PDB file of N, CA and C in Angstrom:
ATOM      1  N   MET A   1       0.808  -1.278   0.004  1.00  0.00           N
ATOM      2  CA  MET A   1      -0.017  -0.066  -0.043  1.00  0.00           C
ATOM      3  C   MET A   1       0.759   1.345  -0.028  1.00  0.00           C
ATOM      4  N   GLU A   2       1.899   1.278   0.767  1.00  0.00           N
ATOM      5  CA  GLU A   2       2.931   2.313   0.886  1.00  0.00           C
ATOM      6  C   GLU A   2       3.399   2.788  -0.483  1.00  0.00           C
ATOM      7  N   ARG A   3       3.779   1.530  -1.206  1.00  0.00           N
ATOM      8  CA  ARG A   3       4.400   1.795  -2.485  1.00  0.00           C
ATOM      9  C   ARG A   3       3.425   2.382  -3.436  1.00  0.00           C
ATOM     10  N   SER A   4       2.221   1.924  -3.432  1.00  0.00           N
ATOM     11  CA  SER A   4       1.093   2.612  -4.434  1.00  0.00           C
ATOM     12  C   SER A   4       1.042   3.952  -4.069  1.00  0.00           C
ATOM     13  N   VAL A   5       0.998   4.402  -2.982  1.00  0.00           N
ATOM     14  CA  VAL A   5       0.781   5.768  -2.451  1.00  0.00           C
ATOM     15  C   VAL A   5       1.864   6.553  -3.088  1.00  0.00           C
ATOM     16  N   GLY A   6       3.157   6.101  -3.034  1.00  0.00           N
ATOM     17  CA  GLY A   6       4.439   6.789  -3.615  1.00  0.00           C
ATOM     18  C   GLY A   6       4.216   6.725  -5.186  1.00  0.00           C
ATOM     19  N   ILE A   7       3.741   5.781  -5.726  1.00  0.00           N
ATOM     20  CA  ILE A   7       3.571   5.832  -7.276  1.00  0.00           C
ATOM     21  C   ILE A   7       2.611   6.854  -7.639  1.00  0.00           C
ATOM     22  N   PHE A   8       1.531   6.908  -7.040  1.00  0.00           N
ATOM     23  CA  PHE A   8       0.410   7.733  -7.301  1.00  0.00           C
ATOM     24  C   PHE A   8       0.918   9.454  -7.193  1.00  0.00           C
ATOM     25  N   ILE A   9       1.546   9.548  -6.097  1.00  0.00           N
ATOM     26  CA  ILE A   9       2.096  10.951  -5.832  1.00  0.00           C
ATOM     27  C   ILE A   9       3.084  11.391  -6.788  1.00  0.00           C
ATOM     28  N   ASN A  10       3.982  10.353  -7.175  1.00  0.00           N
ATOM     29  CA  ASN A  10       5.029  10.734  -8.253  1.00  0.00           C
ATOM     30  C   ASN A  10       4.225  10.928  -9.564  1.00  0.00           C
ATOM     31  N   LEU A  11       3.258   9.979  -9.867  1.00  0.00           N
ATOM     32  CA  LEU A  11       2.676  10.314 -11.057  1.00  0.00           C
ATOM     33  C   LEU A  11       1.899  11.644 -11.290  1.00  0.00           C
ATOM     34  N   LEU A  12       1.320  12.146 -10.044  1.00  0.00           N
ATOM     35  CA  LEU A  12       0.737  13.392  -9.982  1.00  0.00           C
ATOM     36  C   LEU A  12       1.694  14.597 -10.257  1.00  0.00           C
ATOM     37  N   GLU A  13       2.965  14.381  -9.674  1.00  0.00           N
ATOM     38  CA  GLU A  13       4.019  15.463  -9.634  1.00  0.00           C
ATOM     39  C   GLU A  13       4.549  15.421 -11.066  1.00  0.00           C
ATOM     40  N   THR A  14       4.643  14.324 -11.647  1.00  0.00           N
ATOM     41  CA  THR A  14       5.174  14.355 -13.022  1.00  0.00           C
ATOM     42  C   THR A  14       4.085  14.931 -13.938  1.00  0.00           C
ATOM     43  N   LEU A  15       2.823  14.712 -13.751  1.00  0.00           N
ATOM     44  CA  LEU A  15       1.820  15.374 -14.683  1.00  0.00           C
ATOM     45  C   LEU A  15       1.838  17.024 -14.430  1.00  0.00           C
ATOM     46  N   ILE A  16       2.145  17.385 -13.205  1.00  0.00           N
ATOM     47  CA  ILE A  16       2.312  18.837 -12.987  1.00  0.00           C
ATOM     48  C   ILE A  16       3.374  19.380 -13.734  1.00  0.00           C
ATOM     49  N   LEU A  17       4.618  18.573 -13.524  1.00  0.00           N
ATOM     50  CA  LEU A  17       5.742  19.099 -14.402  1.00  0.00           C
ATOM     51  C   LEU A  17       5.512  19.041 -15.767  1.00  0.00           C
ATOM     52  N   VAL A  18       4.911  18.049 -16.418  1.00  0.00           N
ATOM     53  CA  VAL A  18       4.466  18.053 -17.775  1.00  0.00           C
ATOM     54  C   VAL A  18       3.652  19.234 -18.135  1.00  0.00           C
ATOM     55  N   ARG A  19       2.790  19.591 -17.237  1.00  0.00           N
ATOM     56  CA  ARG A  19       1.821  20.757 -17.391  1.00  0.00           C
ATOM     57  C   ARG A  19       2.689  22.163 -17.580  1.00  0.00           C
ATOM     58  N   VAL A  20       3.598  22.218 -16.675  1.00  0.00           N
ATOM     59  CA  VAL A  20       4.581  23.384 -16.635  1.00  0.00           C
ATOM     60  C   VAL A  20       5.132  23.479 -18.005  1.00  0.00           C
ATOM     61  N   PHE A  21       5.699  22.464 -18.386  1.00  0.00           N
ATOM     62  CA  PHE A  21       6.614  22.547 -19.668  1.00  0.00           C
ATOM     63  C   PHE A  21       5.651  22.681 -21.000  1.00  0.00           C
ATOM     64  N   MET A  22       4.519  22.011 -20.882  1.00  0.00           N
ATOM     65  CA  MET A  22       3.607  22.105 -21.937  1.00  0.00           C
ATOM     66  C   MET A  22       2.965  23.497 -22.211  1.00  0.00           C
ATOM     67  N   SER A  23       2.990  24.225 -20.913  1.00  0.00           N
ATOM     68  CA  SER A  23       2.348  25.598 -21.049  1.00  0.00           C
ATOM     69  C   SER A  23       3.221  26.539 -21.876  1.00  0.00           C
ATOM     70  N   TYR A  24       4.586  26.114 -21.962  1.00  0.00           N
ATOM     71  CA  TYR A  24       5.512  27.023 -22.769  1.00  0.00           C
ATOM     72  C   TYR A  24       5.508  26.462 -24.101  1.00  0.00           C
ATOM     73  N   ILE A  25       5.160  25.340 -24.470  1.00  0.00           N
ATOM     74  CA  ILE A  25       5.412  24.678 -25.599  1.00  0.00           C
ATOM     75  C   ILE A  25       4.103  24.638 -26.524  1.00  0.00           C
ATOM     76  N   ILE A  26       3.055  23.997 -25.938  1.00  0.00           N
ATOM     77  CA  ILE A  26       1.855  23.876 -26.591  1.00  0.00           C
ATOM     78  C   ILE A  26       0.939  25.060 -26.303  1.00  0.00           C
ATOM     79  N   ARG A  27       0.427  25.548 -27.466  1.00  0.00           N
ATOM     80  CA  ARG A  27      -0.489  26.730 -27.334  1.00  0.00           C
ATOM     81  C   ARG A  27      -1.944  26.368 -27.941  1.00  0.00           C
ATOM     82  N   ASP A  28      -2.020  25.053 -28.468  1.00  0.00           N
ATOM     83  CA  ASP A  28      -3.383  24.667 -28.919  1.00  0.00           C
ATOM     84  C   ASP A  28      -4.021  23.865 -27.676  1.00  0.00           C
ATOM     85  N   LEU A  29      -5.118  24.694 -27.169  1.00  0.00           N
ATOM     86  CA  LEU A  29      -5.853  24.180 -26.038  1.00  0.00           C
ATOM     87  C   LEU A  29      -6.593  22.930 -26.485  1.00  0.00           C
ATOM     88  N   ASN A  30      -6.901  22.710 -27.706  1.00  0.00           N
ATOM     89  CA  ASN A  30      -7.711  21.458 -28.157  1.00  0.00           C
ATOM     90  C   ASN A  30      -6.719  20.370 -28.376  1.00  0.00           C
ATOM     91  N   ASN A  31      -5.586  20.333 -27.971  1.00  0.00           N
ATOM     92  CA  ASN A  31      -4.624  19.238 -28.147  1.00  0.00           C
ATOM     93  C   ASN A  31      -5.202  18.245 -27.103  1.00  0.00           C
ATOM     94  N   PRO A  32      -5.234  17.012 -27.349  1.00  0.00           N
ATOM     95  CA  PRO A  32      -5.912  15.920 -26.373  1.00  0.00           C
ATOM     96  C   PRO A  32      -4.945  15.774 -25.288  1.00  0.00           C
ATOM     97  N   VAL A  33      -3.632  15.755 -25.511  1.00  0.00           N
ATOM     98  CA  VAL A  33      -2.619  15.407 -24.395  1.00  0.00           C
ATOM     99  C   VAL A  33      -2.714  16.525 -23.472  1.00  0.00           C
ATOM    100  N   PHE A  34      -2.752  17.683 -23.870  1.00  0.00           N
ATOM    101  CA  PHE A  34      -2.794  18.930 -23.113  1.00  0.00           C
ATOM    102  C   PHE A  34      -4.106  18.980 -22.175  1.00  0.00           C
ATOM    103  N   ASN A  35      -5.239  18.687 -22.947  1.00  0.00           N
ATOM    104  CA  ASN A  35      -6.540  18.554 -22.182  1.00  0.00           C
ATOM    105  C   ASN A  35      -6.453  17.453 -21.111  1.00  0.00           C
ATOM    106  N   PHE A  36      -5.805  16.312 -21.304  1.00  0.00           N
ATOM    107  CA  PHE A  36      -5.859  15.178 -20.440  1.00  0.00           C
ATOM    108  C   PHE A  36      -5.173  15.771 -19.152  1.00  0.00           C
ATOM    109  N   VAL A  37      -3.800  16.361 -19.417  1.00  0.00           N
ATOM    110  CA  VAL A  37      -2.849  16.795 -18.341  1.00  0.00           C
ATOM    111  C   VAL A  37      -3.611  17.949 -17.694  1.00  0.00           C
ATOM    112  N   TYR A  38      -4.246  18.806 -18.343  1.00  0.00           N
ATOM    113  CA  TYR A  38      -4.859  20.054 -17.799  1.00  0.00           C
ATOM    114  C   TYR A  38      -6.062  19.381 -16.722  1.00  0.00           C
ATOM    115  N   GLN A  39      -6.860  18.559 -17.283  1.00  0.00           N
ATOM    116  CA  GLN A  39      -8.032  18.096 -16.384  1.00  0.00           C
ATOM    117  C   GLN A  39      -7.543  17.354 -15.239  1.00  0.00           C
ATOM    118  N   VAL A  40      -6.522  16.641 -15.271  1.00  0.00           N
ATOM    119  CA  VAL A  40      -5.930  15.903 -14.092  1.00  0.00           C
ATOM    120  C   VAL A  40      -5.284  16.858 -13.166  1.00  0.00           C
ATOM    121  N   THR A  41      -4.442  17.833 -13.619  1.00  0.00           N
ATOM    122  CA  THR A  41      -3.803  18.728 -12.517  1.00  0.00           C
ATOM    123  C   THR A  41      -4.629  19.948 -12.156  1.00  0.00           C
ATOM    124  N   GLU A  42      -5.479  20.315 -12.878  1.00  0.00           N
ATOM    125  CA  GLU A  42      -6.202  21.581 -12.471  1.00  0.00           C
ATOM    126  C   GLU A  42      -6.810  21.609 -11.120  1.00  0.00           C
ATOM    127  N   PRO A  43      -7.508  20.393 -10.655  1.00  0.00           N
ATOM    128  CA  PRO A  43      -7.969  20.269  -9.372  1.00  0.00           C
ATOM    129  C   PRO A  43      -7.086  20.344  -8.346  1.00  0.00           C
ATOM    130  N   ILE A  44      -5.788  20.128  -8.588  1.00  0.00           N
ATOM    131  CA  ILE A  44      -4.646  20.094  -7.626  1.00  0.00           C
ATOM    132  C   ILE A  44      -4.134  21.686  -7.500  1.00  0.00           C
ATOM    133  N   LEU A  45      -4.029  22.100  -8.729  1.00  0.00           N
ATOM    134  CA  LEU A  45      -3.230  23.531  -8.687  1.00  0.00           C
ATOM    135  C   LEU A  45      -4.341  24.788  -8.405  1.00  0.00           C
ATOM    136  N   SER A  46      -5.567  24.610  -8.714  1.00  0.00           N
ATOM    137  CA  SER A  46      -6.497  25.718  -8.454  1.00  0.00           C
ATOM    138  C   SER A  46      -6.535  26.168  -7.032  1.00  0.00           C
ATOM    139  N   PRO A  47      -6.650  25.221  -5.990  1.00  0.00           N
ATOM    140  CA  PRO A  47      -6.742  25.688  -4.749  1.00  0.00           C
ATOM    141  C   PRO A  47      -5.518  26.433  -4.191  1.00  0.00           C
ATOM    142  N   PHE A  48      -4.313  26.134  -4.809  1.00  0.00           N
ATOM    143  CA  PHE A  48      -3.221  26.951  -4.360  1.00  0.00           C
ATOM    144  C   PHE A  48      -3.209  28.344  -4.997  1.00  0.00           C
ATOM    145  N   ARG A  49      -3.641  28.471  -6.323  1.00  0.00           N
ATOM    146  CA  ARG A  49      -3.916  29.867  -6.966  1.00  0.00           C
ATOM    147  C   ARG A  49      -4.766  30.654  -6.120  1.00  0.00           C
ATOM    148  N   ASP A  50      -6.001  29.961  -5.771  1.00  0.00           N
ATOM    149  CA  ASP A  50      -6.956  30.757  -5.012  1.00  0.00           C
ATOM    150  C   ASP A  50      -6.381  31.214  -3.623  1.00  0.00           C
ATOM    151  N   LEU A  51      -5.571  30.238  -3.118  1.00  0.00           N
ATOM    152  CA  LEU A  51      -4.928  30.744  -1.751  1.00  0.00           C
ATOM    153  C   LEU A  51      -4.152  31.858  -1.923  1.00  0.00           C
ATOM    154  N   MET A  52      -3.166  31.829  -2.830  1.00  0.00           N
ATOM    155  CA  MET A  52      -2.406  32.943  -3.327  1.00  0.00           C
ATOM    156  C   MET A  52      -3.248  34.242  -3.459  1.00  0.00           C
ATOM    157  N   ASP A  53      -4.231  34.109  -4.156  1.00  0.00           N
ATOM    158  CA  ASP A  53      -5.053  35.273  -4.488  1.00  0.00           C
ATOM    159  C   ASP A  53      -5.742  35.918  -3.166  1.00  0.00           C
ATOM    160  N   LYS A  54      -6.150  35.019  -2.262  1.00  0.00           N
ATOM    161  CA  LYS A  54      -6.889  35.463  -1.086  1.00  0.00           C
ATOM    162  C   LYS A  54      -5.730  36.182  -0.171  1.00  0.00           C
ATOM    163  N   LEU A  55      -4.519  35.773  -0.141  1.00  0.00           N
ATOM    164  CA  LEU A  55      -3.448  36.115   0.590  1.00  0.00           C
ATOM    165  C   LEU A  55      -2.871  37.474   0.049  1.00  0.00           C
ATOM    166  N   GLY A  56      -3.325  37.690  -1.067  1.00  0.00           N
ATOM    167  CA  GLY A  56      -2.731  38.908  -1.812  1.00  0.00           C
ATOM    168  C   GLY A  56      -1.450  38.780  -2.448  1.00  0.00           C
ATOM    169  N   ILE A  57      -0.881  37.535  -2.580  1.00  0.00           N
ATOM    170  CA  ILE A  57       0.315  37.443  -3.306  1.00  0.00           C
ATOM    171  C   ILE A  57       0.100  37.500  -4.738  1.00  0.00           C
ATOM    172  N   ASN A  58       0.833  38.331  -5.415  1.00  0.00           N
ATOM    173  CA  ASN A  58       0.696  38.716  -6.736  1.00  0.00           C
ATOM    174  C   ASN A  58       2.097  38.239  -7.328  1.00  0.00           C
ATOM    175  N   THR A  59       2.096  37.201  -8.123  1.00  0.00           N
ATOM    176  CA  THR A  59       3.595  36.802  -8.683  1.00  0.00           C
ATOM    177  C   THR A  59       3.669  37.211 -10.084  1.00  0.00           C
ATOM    178  N   GLY A  60       2.791  37.872 -10.629  1.00  0.00           N
ATOM    179  CA  GLY A  60       2.940  38.285 -11.963  1.00  0.00           C
ATOM    180  C   GLY A  60       2.601  37.263 -12.932  1.00  0.00           C
ATOM    181  N   MET A  61       3.475  37.092 -13.856  1.00  0.00           N
ATOM    182  CA  MET A  61       3.465  35.988 -14.969  1.00  0.00           C
ATOM    183  C   MET A  61       3.675  34.774 -14.528  1.00  0.00           C
ATOM    184  N   ILE A  62       4.542  34.601 -13.404  1.00  0.00           N
ATOM    185  CA  ILE A  62       4.999  33.303 -12.933  1.00  0.00           C
ATOM    186  C   ILE A  62       3.935  32.606 -11.968  1.00  0.00           C
ATOM    187  N   ASP A  63       3.594  31.503 -12.328  1.00  0.00           N
ATOM    188  CA  ASP A  63       2.649  30.820 -11.449  1.00  0.00           C
ATOM    189  C   ASP A  63       3.195  29.834 -10.505  1.00  0.00           C
ATOM    190  N   PHE A  64       3.201  30.169  -9.259  1.00  0.00           N
ATOM    191  CA  PHE A  64       3.912  29.342  -8.222  1.00  0.00           C
ATOM    192  C   PHE A  64       3.102  28.188  -7.682  1.00  0.00           C
ATOM    193  N   SER A  65       1.785  28.172  -8.202  1.00  0.00           N
ATOM    194  CA  SER A  65       0.843  27.079  -7.613  1.00  0.00           C
ATOM    195  C   SER A  65       1.584  25.666  -7.887  1.00  0.00           C
ATOM    196  N   PRO A  66       2.387  25.319  -9.017  1.00  0.00           N
ATOM    197  CA  PRO A  66       3.023  23.984  -9.075  1.00  0.00           C
ATOM    198  C   PRO A  66       3.915  23.566  -7.876  1.00  0.00           C
ATOM    199  N   LEU A  67       4.760  24.820  -7.617  1.00  0.00           N
ATOM    200  CA  LEU A  67       5.702  24.758  -6.550  1.00  0.00           C
ATOM    201  C   LEU A  67       5.032  24.297  -5.099  1.00  0.00           C
ATOM    202  N   LEU A  68       3.941  24.985  -4.991  1.00  0.00           N
ATOM    203  CA  LEU A  68       3.194  24.768  -3.709  1.00  0.00           C
ATOM    204  C   LEU A  68       2.548  23.314  -3.776  1.00  0.00           C
ATOM    205  N   ALA A  69       2.071  22.930  -4.818  1.00  0.00           N
ATOM    206  CA  ALA A  69       1.434  21.589  -5.009  1.00  0.00           C
ATOM    207  C   ALA A  69       2.459  20.532  -4.729  1.00  0.00           C
ATOM    208  N   PHE A  70       3.746  20.634  -5.242  1.00  0.00           N
ATOM    209  CA  PHE A  70       4.725  19.588  -4.897  1.00  0.00           C
ATOM    210  C   PHE A  70       4.950  19.763  -3.440  1.00  0.00           C
ATOM    211  N   VAL A  71       5.150  20.732  -2.789  1.00  0.00           N
ATOM    212  CA  VAL A  71       5.335  20.626  -1.369  1.00  0.00           C
ATOM    213  C   VAL A  71       4.142  20.003  -0.531  1.00  0.00           C
ATOM    214  N   PHE A  72       2.929  20.320  -1.047  1.00  0.00           N
ATOM    215  CA  PHE A  72       1.820  19.862  -0.404  1.00  0.00           C
ATOM    216  C   PHE A  72       1.805  18.210  -0.642  1.00  0.00           C
ATOM    217  N   LEU A  73       2.012  17.785  -1.797  1.00  0.00           N
ATOM    218  CA  LEU A  73       1.968  16.314  -2.214  1.00  0.00           C
ATOM    219  C   LEU A  73       2.911  15.500  -1.496  1.00  0.00           C
ATOM    220  N   ASP A  74       4.234  16.257  -1.357  1.00  0.00           N
ATOM    221  CA  ASP A  74       5.168  15.533  -0.620  1.00  0.00           C
ATOM    222  C   ASP A  74       4.903  15.377   0.985  1.00  0.00           C
ATOM    223  N   LEU A  75       4.374  16.424   1.359  1.00  0.00           N
ATOM    224  CA  LEU A  75       3.826  16.342   2.853  1.00  0.00           C
ATOM    225  C   LEU A  75       2.682  15.373   2.956  1.00  0.00           C
ATOM    226  N   ILE A  76       1.721  15.210   2.090  1.00  0.00           N
ATOM    227  CA  ILE A  76       0.768  14.274   2.156  1.00  0.00           C
ATOM    228  C   ILE A  76       1.387  12.878   2.086  1.00  0.00           C
ATOM    229  N   SER A  77       2.385  12.712   1.146  1.00  0.00           N
ATOM    230  CA  SER A  77       3.062  11.494   0.917  1.00  0.00           C
ATOM    231  C   SER A  77       3.734  10.970   2.185  1.00  0.00           C
ATOM    232  N   TYR A  78       4.418  11.831   2.783  1.00  0.00           N
ATOM    233  CA  TYR A  78       5.121  11.588   4.060  1.00  0.00           C
ATOM    234  C   TYR A  78       4.244  11.164   5.288  1.00  0.00           C
ATOM    235  N   ILE A  79       2.922  11.933   5.381  1.00  0.00           N
ATOM    236  CA  ILE A  79       1.882  11.538   6.253  1.00  0.00           C
ATOM    237  C   ILE A  79       1.344  10.257   5.998  1.00  0.00           C
ATOM    238  N   LEU A  80       0.963   9.927   4.743  1.00  0.00           N
ATOM    239  CA  LEU A  80       0.342   8.487   4.426  1.00  0.00           C
ATOM    240  C   LEU A  80       1.410   7.424   4.575  1.00  0.00           C
ATOM    241  N   ARG A  81       2.522   7.647   4.421  1.00  0.00           N
ATOM    242  CA  ARG A  81       3.610   6.638   4.607  1.00  0.00           C
ATOM    243  C   ARG A  81       3.870   6.287   5.952  1.00  0.00           C
ATOM    244  N   ALA A  82       3.758   7.291   6.868  1.00  0.00           N
ATOM    245  CA  ALA A  82       3.871   7.145   8.327  1.00  0.00           C
ATOM    246  C   ALA A  82       2.750   6.433   8.853  1.00  0.00           C
ATOM    247  N   ILE A  83       1.505   6.627   8.393  1.00  0.00           N
ATOM    248  CA  ILE A  83       0.259   6.024   8.797  1.00  0.00           C
ATOM    249  C   ILE A  83       0.270   4.591   8.416  1.00  0.00           C
ATOM    250  N   LEU A  84       0.606   4.457   7.003  1.00  0.00           N
ATOM    251  CA  LEU A  84       0.496   2.991   6.529  1.00  0.00           C
ATOM    252  C   LEU A  84       1.777   2.230   6.970  1.00  0.00           C
TER     253      LEU A  84
END
């Protein structure tokens, strides 16, 4: 069970990283790969963007929500592994 949690967290982190790179490369929002990655990662990244907006943190053109998501996912992974 511990291994599957690690694999799942790593998969989510990889998809977030892919999304970051794709945001610079692919501009076609109708691309099926981009749509898949976007649909999987948006529920993870959106709360961090909302939190930064509520705190009044304006980062300009750079989106730091992926970095916050990485920290959060690592924390969740650590907690789940300690429990399991």
